[in-house]
Amino acid sequence: DPKGEAFVARKAQAVLEGKAGIVAGSLRRKATMCHLDAKSRQKADECARYLQNKAPYLDYPKALASGWPIATGVIEGACAHLVKDRFDVTGARWSVKGAEAILKLRAVRANGDWPE
């Protein structure tokens, strides 16, 4: 539904502008104004609760101004490259100390810091 897509795009933009708490409230208000029953508004309430609970961590204006990545794809890609590719091997067993050492070495190599 194009109207739904536009609504979601506006709310996502507001979250990126640092307005997660306002978006949470607006989602709840919209569900109430549409007279949704508890089952129909469940996902809206879950989303609003998530935004409220995570608001301290959703300071996207600060993250963007600092040049930090905000896309989960970047983080998931790094995890897959550093962790999954090495540790997700059938039958492998790792101690915490050994796994940490390997992860540090892989990070140094991936960052191109090996010569240093």
Protein backbone atom coordinates (compact mmCIF):
# COMPACT_ATOMS: atom_id res chain seq x y z
CA ASP A 1 0.00 0.00 0.00
CA PRO A 2 1.65 3.26 -1.10
CA LYS A 3 0.02 5.20 1.74
CA GLY A 4 1.43 2.70 4.25
CA GLU A 5 4.88 2.91 2.69
CA ALA A 6 4.79 6.72 2.87
CA PHE A 7 3.70 6.56 6.53
CA VAL A 8 6.54 4.19 7.40
CA ALA A 9 9.05 6.33 5.48
CA ARG A 10 7.99 9.45 7.42
CA LYS A 11 8.30 7.62 10.75
CA ALA A 12 11.69 6.16 9.82
CA GLN A 13 12.92 9.63 8.84
CA ALA A 14 11.74 11.00 12.19
CA VAL A 15 13.64 8.25 14.05
CA LEU A 16 16.76 9.15 12.05
CA GLU A 17 16.22 12.75 13.14
CA GLY A 18 16.39 11.66 16.79
CA LYS A 19 12.65 11.60 17.46
CA ALA A 20 12.20 7.95 18.47
CA GLY A 21 10.09 8.83 21.53
CA ILE A 22 7.78 11.05 19.50
CA VAL A 23 7.39 8.32 16.87
CA ALA A 24 6.53 5.78 19.60
CA GLY A 25 3.78 8.04 20.90
CA SER A 26 2.44 8.76 17.42
CA LEU A 27 2.24 5.03 16.62
CA ARG A 28 0.17 4.42 19.74
CA ARG A 29 -2.06 7.44 19.02
CA LYS A 30 -2.62 6.30 15.42
CA ALA A 31 -3.60 2.80 16.59
CA THR A 32 -6.04 4.35 19.09
CA MET A 33 -7.50 6.79 16.54
CA CYS A 34 -8.04 3.90 14.11
CA HIS A 35 -9.95 2.05 16.87
CA LEU A 36 -7.75 -1.03 16.52
CA ASP A 37 -8.44 -3.89 18.90
CA ALA A 38 -5.61 -5.35 20.99
CA LYS A 39 -4.72 -8.01 18.43
CA SER A 40 -4.75 -5.62 15.47
CA ARG A 41 -2.55 -3.05 17.20
CA GLN A 42 -0.09 -5.58 18.66
CA LYS A 43 2.71 -4.87 16.15
CA ALA A 44 2.30 -1.09 16.50
CA ASP A 45 2.54 -1.41 20.28
CA GLU A 46 5.60 -3.69 20.00
CA CYS A 47 7.30 -1.17 17.74
CA ALA A 48 6.43 1.73 20.06
CA ARG A 49 7.70 -0.18 23.09
CA TYR A 50 10.96 -0.99 21.27
CA LEU A 51 11.46 2.66 20.30
CA GLN A 52 10.82 3.83 23.86
CA ASN A 53 13.06 1.20 25.45
CA LYS A 54 15.90 1.79 22.99
CA ALA A 55 15.57 5.59 22.74
CA PRO A 56 18.88 6.20 24.57
CA TYR A 57 20.64 4.11 21.92
CA LEU A 58 18.85 5.65 18.93
CA ASP A 59 20.68 8.98 18.87
CA TYR A 60 21.14 8.84 15.11
CA PRO A 61 21.98 12.55 14.72
CA LYS A 62 24.97 12.08 17.05
CA ALA A 63 26.01 8.85 15.33
CA LEU A 64 25.78 10.38 11.86
CA ALA A 65 27.64 13.53 12.95
CA SER A 66 30.37 11.29 14.39
CA GLY A 67 30.61 9.26 11.18
CA TRP A 68 29.50 6.06 12.88
CA PRO A 69 27.69 3.41 10.82
CA ILE A 70 24.03 3.04 11.72
CA ALA A 71 23.02 0.30 9.31
CA THR A 72 22.75 -3.14 10.84
CA GLY A 73 24.02 -4.59 7.56
CA VAL A 74 27.45 -3.14 8.24
CA ILE A 75 27.55 -4.71 11.69
CA GLU A 76 26.12 -8.04 10.52
CA GLY A 77 28.64 -8.15 7.68
CA ALA A 78 31.51 -7.52 10.09
CA CYS A 79 30.24 -10.22 12.43
CA ALA A 80 29.91 -12.69 9.58
CA HIS A 81 33.40 -11.87 8.31
CA LEU A 82 35.17 -11.87 11.67
CA VAL A 83 33.20 -14.42 13.63
CA LYS A 84 30.93 -16.70 11.61
CA ASP A 85 33.41 -17.48 8.84
CA ARG A 86 35.92 -18.74 11.41
CA PHE A 87 33.88 -20.15 14.27
CA ASP A 88 30.81 -21.60 12.57
CA VAL A 89 32.51 -24.87 11.74
CA THR A 90 30.86 -28.19 12.56
CA GLY A 91 32.52 -29.85 15.53
CA ALA A 92 34.75 -26.88 16.44
CA ARG A 93 35.26 -26.18 20.13
CA TRP A 94 36.77 -22.94 21.40
CA SER A 95 37.80 -21.69 24.79
CA VAL A 96 36.91 -18.07 25.51
CA LYS A 97 40.61 -17.16 25.66
CA GLY A 98 41.40 -18.91 22.36
CA ALA A 99 38.37 -17.46 20.56
CA GLU A 100 39.22 -13.95 21.76
CA ALA A 101 42.80 -14.30 20.53
CA ILE A 102 41.64 -15.45 17.09
CA LEU A 103 39.08 -12.65 16.84
CA LYS A 104 41.72 -10.04 17.70
CA LEU A 105 44.06 -11.42 15.04
CA ARG A 106 41.30 -11.50 12.43
CA ALA A 107 40.34 -7.90 13.27
CA VAL A 108 43.96 -6.73 12.95
CA ARG A 109 44.23 -8.47 9.58
CA ALA A 110 40.85 -7.20 8.32
CA ASN A 111 41.73 -3.63 9.28
CA GLY A 112 45.06 -3.82 7.46
CA ASP A 113 46.99 -3.20 10.69
CA TRP A 114 49.12 -6.32 10.46
CA PRO A 115 52.44 -4.55 9.73
CA GLU A 116 52.07 -2.38 12.83
